[in-house]
């Protein structure tokens, strides 16, 4: 079986539709029954959990192959004879991109996909095409930093709070985004700013001592309507932010 890397996993997940992501997340306990999440969040959480789960890695490979059955069917000759398939590579590459063919090889359950892909690349005619494939393989072999498990927007506080507190959380599982919102700009403008800030977010923290009442109510209401986790804290301190994050994400 092909060795797993986070870069390869990320590319496979990017190629899967939302319903496949939700199915994988539910099957592996990442989503609870009746819970839903946007595809960007599902991809982040699946990639995070796959680093520790061989079963999930296999599930992602199988999901990719099921979603790309035409590529799998067309590339079967490569598994029988790399040299024989390479002689017909012009026809194969006329139907599918080099990336699709390489991913088909790398999701094979029975062979070492990396070795199979390297052998296939060596047989390719044309230096430009060979270099393109080698570059793709090199990128997928590289290990990425451990992905952040959750994106959290913080409403309120002071501009200096981000520079003061942000570094304390850099090595943890959370990606924190600060929206100071010191002054009201009117209901319509405030709503637009908050809605934009919550796009692709997994949770929100509202600093009640610094955010206006209108901002606080809008942020809380929009977070609820989107099914996001949220908490209110009185002040922007490391202790209060840590406690809020632990309450929202006890699994992390």
Protein backbone atom coordinates (compact mmCIF):
# COMPACT_ATOMS: atom_id res chain seq x y z
CA UNK A 1 0.00 0.00 0.00
CA UNK A 2 1.16 3.53 -0.76
CA UNK A 3 2.73 5.41 2.15
CA UNK A 4 0.56 8.29 3.37
CA UNK A 5 1.63 11.94 3.37
CA UNK A 6 -0.43 14.92 4.43
CA UNK A 7 0.19 16.63 1.07
CA UNK A 8 -1.15 13.63 -0.84
CA UNK A 9 -4.11 13.39 1.53
CA UNK A 10 -4.93 17.07 1.07
CA UNK A 11 -4.97 16.70 -2.72
CA UNK A 12 -7.22 13.63 -2.58
CA UNK A 13 -9.65 15.44 -0.28
CA UNK A 14 -9.69 18.50 -2.52
CA UNK A 15 -10.89 16.23 -5.34
CA UNK A 16 -13.86 14.84 -3.39
CA UNK A 17 -17.37 16.34 -3.46
CA UNK A 18 -19.05 17.53 -0.27
CA UNK A 19 -21.30 14.49 0.10
CA UNK A 20 -18.29 12.16 0.06
CA UNK A 21 -16.54 14.28 2.67
CA UNK A 22 -19.61 14.21 4.92
CA UNK A 23 -19.93 10.44 4.49
CA UNK A 24 -16.30 9.90 5.48
CA UNK A 25 -16.57 12.26 8.46
CA UNK A 26 -19.70 10.50 9.75
CA UNK A 27 -18.27 7.02 9.24
CA UNK A 28 -15.15 7.87 11.24
CA UNK A 29 -16.83 9.74 14.09
CA UNK A 30 -15.73 13.23 13.06
CA UNK A 31 -19.34 14.36 12.57
CA UNK A 32 -22.01 13.38 15.06
CA UNK A 33 -25.39 12.11 13.89
CA UNK A 34 -27.41 15.00 12.47
CA UNK A 35 -24.43 17.36 12.50
CA UNK A 36 -23.32 19.13 9.33
CA UNK A 37 -20.26 21.15 8.35
CA UNK A 38 -19.01 23.06 5.33
CA UNK A 39 -16.57 21.25 2.98
CA UNK A 40 -13.54 23.39 3.97
CA UNK A 41 -13.98 22.41 7.62
CA UNK A 42 -14.56 18.74 6.71
CA UNK A 43 -11.38 18.65 4.63
CA UNK A 44 -9.34 20.16 7.49
CA UNK A 45 -10.72 17.75 10.10
CA UNK A 46 -10.46 14.68 7.87
CA UNK A 47 -6.85 15.50 7.06
CA UNK A 48 -6.06 16.07 10.72
CA UNK A 49 -7.59 12.74 11.80
CA UNK A 50 -6.16 10.80 8.85
CA UNK A 51 -2.65 11.46 10.14
CA UNK A 52 -3.44 9.12 13.05
CA UNK A 53 -5.84 6.65 11.37
CA UNK A 54 -4.83 4.07 8.78
CA UNK A 55 -8.51 3.16 8.37
CA UNK A 56 -9.39 6.74 7.45
CA UNK A 57 -6.44 6.94 5.06
CA UNK A 58 -7.80 3.85 3.30
CA UNK A 59 -11.29 5.33 3.31
CA UNK A 60 -10.05 8.50 1.59
CA UNK A 61 -8.20 6.47 -1.06
CA UNK A 62 -11.26 4.33 -1.76
CA UNK A 63 -13.53 7.39 -1.90
CA UNK A 64 -11.23 9.00 -4.47
CA UNK A 65 -11.25 5.87 -6.63
CA UNK A 66 -15.04 5.58 -6.41
CA UNK A 67 -15.41 9.22 -7.46
CA UNK A 68 -12.98 8.77 -10.38
CA UNK A 69 -14.06 5.42 -11.76
CA UNK A 70 -13.36 6.45 -15.35
CA UNK A 71 -9.70 7.12 -14.57
CA UNK A 72 -9.41 3.86 -12.62
CA UNK A 73 -10.88 1.86 -15.50
CA UNK A 74 -8.71 3.51 -18.14
CA UNK A 75 -5.46 3.15 -16.18
CA UNK A 76 -5.77 -0.56 -15.38
CA UNK A 77 -3.14 -1.44 -18.00
CA UNK A 78 -0.50 0.39 -15.98
CA UNK A 79 -0.94 -2.11 -13.16
CA UNK A 80 -0.47 -5.01 -15.57
CA UNK A 81 2.60 -3.65 -17.33
CA UNK A 82 4.12 -0.24 -16.77
CA UNK A 83 6.19 -0.46 -19.95
CA UNK A 84 3.19 -1.60 -22.00
CA UNK A 85 1.00 1.19 -20.66
CA UNK A 86 3.69 3.79 -21.25
CA UNK A 87 3.71 2.92 -24.94
CA UNK A 88 0.07 4.05 -25.01
CA UNK A 89 0.51 7.05 -22.72
CA UNK A 90 -0.37 9.55 -25.45
CA UNK A 91 -3.84 8.03 -25.68
CA UNK A 92 -4.21 7.86 -21.88
CA UNK A 93 -3.03 11.43 -21.39
CA UNK A 94 -5.41 12.54 -24.11
CA UNK A 95 -8.29 11.49 -21.86
CA UNK A 96 -7.01 12.49 -18.43
CA UNK A 97 -4.55 14.90 -16.87
CA UNK A 98 -1.13 13.68 -15.62
CA UNK A 99 -2.31 14.48 -12.10
CA UNK A 100 -5.36 12.21 -12.38
CA UNK A 101 -3.27 9.31 -13.67
CA UNK A 102 -0.68 9.69 -10.91
CA UNK A 103 -3.38 9.88 -8.22
CA UNK A 104 -4.91 6.69 -9.61
CA UNK A 105 -1.56 4.94 -9.15
CA UNK A 106 -1.08 6.40 -5.68
CA UNK A 107 -4.47 5.19 -4.45
CA UNK A 108 -3.86 1.56 -5.44
CA UNK A 109 -4.35 -0.77 -2.47
CA UNK A 110 -2.16 -3.64 -3.64
CA UNK A 111 1.03 -2.02 -4.95
CA UNK A 112 3.49 0.59 -3.74
CA UNK A 113 1.96 3.53 -5.57
CA UNK A 114 5.05 5.71 -5.23
CA UNK A 115 7.21 3.11 -6.95
CA UNK A 116 4.58 2.45 -9.59
CA UNK A 117 4.27 6.18 -10.30
CA UNK A 118 8.04 6.63 -10.56
CA UNK A 119 8.31 3.75 -13.01
CA UNK A 120 5.49 5.19 -15.08
CA UNK A 121 7.13 8.64 -15.15
CA UNK A 122 10.44 7.14 -16.28
CA UNK A 123 8.71 5.57 -19.27
CA UNK A 124 7.05 8.81 -20.39
CA UNK A 125 8.11 10.40 -23.66
CA UNK A 126 8.84 14.08 -23.55
CA UNK A 127 11.01 15.92 -21.06
CA UNK A 128 8.41 18.59 -20.24
CA UNK A 129 5.74 16.03 -19.35
CA UNK A 130 8.21 13.99 -17.31
CA UNK A 131 9.29 17.07 -15.35
CA UNK A 132 5.67 18.02 -14.70
CA UNK A 133 4.93 14.58 -13.25
CA UNK A 134 8.12 14.56 -11.19
CA UNK A 135 7.18 17.95 -9.74
CA UNK A 136 3.73 16.67 -8.75
CA UNK A 137 5.21 13.60 -7.04
CA UNK A 138 7.80 15.70 -5.20
CA UNK A 139 5.09 18.02 -3.91
CA UNK A 140 2.93 15.16 -2.64
CA UNK A 141 5.89 13.47 -0.98
CA UNK A 142 6.65 16.58 1.08
CA UNK A 143 5.13 16.50 4.55
CA UNK A 144 3.09 19.56 5.41
CA UNK A 145 2.95 21.08 8.89
CA UNK A 146 0.20 19.62 11.05
CA UNK A 147 -3.01 21.35 9.91
CA UNK A 148 -5.00 23.53 12.27
CA UNK A 149 -8.06 21.71 13.54
CA UNK A 150 -10.35 24.72 13.90
CA UNK A 151 -10.60 28.32 12.76
CA UNK A 152 -11.89 30.66 15.45
CA UNK A 153 -12.90 34.30 14.93
CA UNK A 154 -12.53 36.62 17.91
CA UNK A 155 -14.81 39.68 17.95
CA UNK A 156 -13.86 42.65 20.11
CA UNK A 157 -10.72 43.39 22.04
CA UNK A 158 -8.00 45.88 21.20
CA UNK A 159 -5.60 45.81 18.21
CA UNK A 160 -2.69 45.13 20.55
CA UNK A 161 -4.41 42.00 21.89
CA UNK A 162 -3.68 40.10 18.68
CA UNK A 163 0.05 40.84 18.81
CA UNK A 164 0.14 40.17 22.56
CA UNK A 165 -1.90 36.96 22.66
CA UNK A 166 -1.68 35.57 19.13
CA UNK A 167 1.82 34.05 19.52
CA UNK A 168 0.67 32.10 22.60
CA UNK A 169 -1.68 30.02 20.44
CA UNK A 170 0.43 29.62 17.29
CA UNK A 171 1.65 26.12 18.14
CA UNK A 172 -1.79 24.85 19.14
CA UNK A 173 -4.61 23.33 17.09
CA UNK A 174 -6.45 26.64 16.59
CA UNK A 175 -6.15 29.27 13.90
CA UNK A 176 -7.29 32.52 15.53
CA UNK A 177 -8.59 35.45 13.50
CA UNK A 178 -9.14 38.80 15.21
CA UNK A 179 -11.89 41.28 14.33
CA UNK A 180 -11.61 44.25 16.65
CA UNK A 181 -14.91 45.99 15.71
CA UNK A 182 -14.22 48.96 17.95
CA UNK A 183 -16.90 51.19 16.43
CA UNK A 184 -20.38 50.53 15.12
CA UNK A 185 -20.83 51.18 11.43
CA UNK A 186 -24.60 50.65 11.28
CA UNK A 187 -26.62 47.42 11.34
CA UNK A 188 -26.19 46.62 7.65
CA UNK A 189 -22.43 47.26 7.61
CA UNK A 190 -21.91 45.46 10.92
CA UNK A 191 -23.85 42.43 9.71
CA UNK A 192 -21.82 42.28 6.50
CA UNK A 193 -18.50 42.49 8.36
CA UNK A 194 -19.49 39.76 10.81
CA UNK A 195 -20.90 37.50 8.10
CA UNK A 196 -17.67 37.81 6.10
CA UNK A 197 -15.57 37.08 9.19
CA UNK A 198 -17.55 33.92 9.92
CA UNK A 199 -17.11 32.51 6.43
CA UNK A 200 -15.02 29.30 6.70
CA UNK A 201 -14.94 29.71 10.52
CA UNK A 202 -15.66 26.86 12.91
CA UNK A 203 -16.35 28.94 16.01
CA UNK A 204 -16.53 32.46 17.42
CA UNK A 205 -15.43 34.10 20.65
CA UNK A 206 -17.03 37.44 21.60
CA UNK A 207 -15.21 39.72 24.02
CA UNK A 208 -18.15 41.40 25.72
CA UNK A 209 -16.10 44.04 27.49
CA UNK A 210 -14.90 45.53 24.18
CA UNK A 211 -17.49 44.60 21.52
CA UNK A 212 -20.58 46.79 21.24
CA UNK A 213 -23.92 45.30 22.23
CA UNK A 214 -25.02 45.30 18.59
CA UNK A 215 -21.84 43.53 17.44
CA UNK A 216 -22.21 40.99 20.25
CA UNK A 217 -25.83 40.18 19.37
CA UNK A 218 -25.14 39.98 15.64
CA UNK A 219 -22.09 37.73 16.09
CA UNK A 220 -23.91 35.44 18.51
CA UNK A 221 -27.01 35.24 16.30
CA UNK A 222 -25.11 34.55 13.08
CA UNK A 223 -22.92 31.94 14.76
CA UNK A 224 -26.02 30.15 16.07
CA UNK A 225 -27.79 30.28 12.69
CA UNK A 226 -24.76 28.72 10.99
CA UNK A 227 -24.38 25.97 13.55
CA UNK A 228 -21.03 27.29 14.78
CA UNK A 229 -19.72 26.91 18.30
CA UNK A 230 -19.44 30.19 20.21
CA UNK A 231 -18.60 31.60 23.62
CA UNK A 232 -18.59 35.01 25.28
CA UNK A 233 -15.69 36.14 27.49
CA UNK A 234 -15.39 39.36 29.45
CA UNK A 235 -11.78 40.23 28.67
CA UNK A 236 -9.07 39.32 26.18
CA UNK A 237 -6.76 37.33 28.43
CA UNK A 238 -4.86 34.13 27.76
CA UNK A 239 -6.75 32.39 30.56
CA UNK A 240 -10.24 33.35 29.37
CA UNK A 241 -9.50 32.56 25.71
CA UNK A 242 -7.98 29.19 26.64
CA UNK A 243 -10.97 28.31 28.80
CA UNK A 244 -13.40 29.24 26.01
CA UNK A 245 -11.49 27.18 23.45
CA UNK A 246 -11.36 24.16 25.76
CA UNK A 247 -15.12 24.41 26.41
CA UNK A 248 -15.92 24.61 22.69
CA UNK A 249 -13.48 21.93 21.59
CA UNK A 250 -13.02 19.42 24.44
CA UNK A 251 -11.91 16.82 21.85
CA UNK A 252 -8.80 18.90 21.04
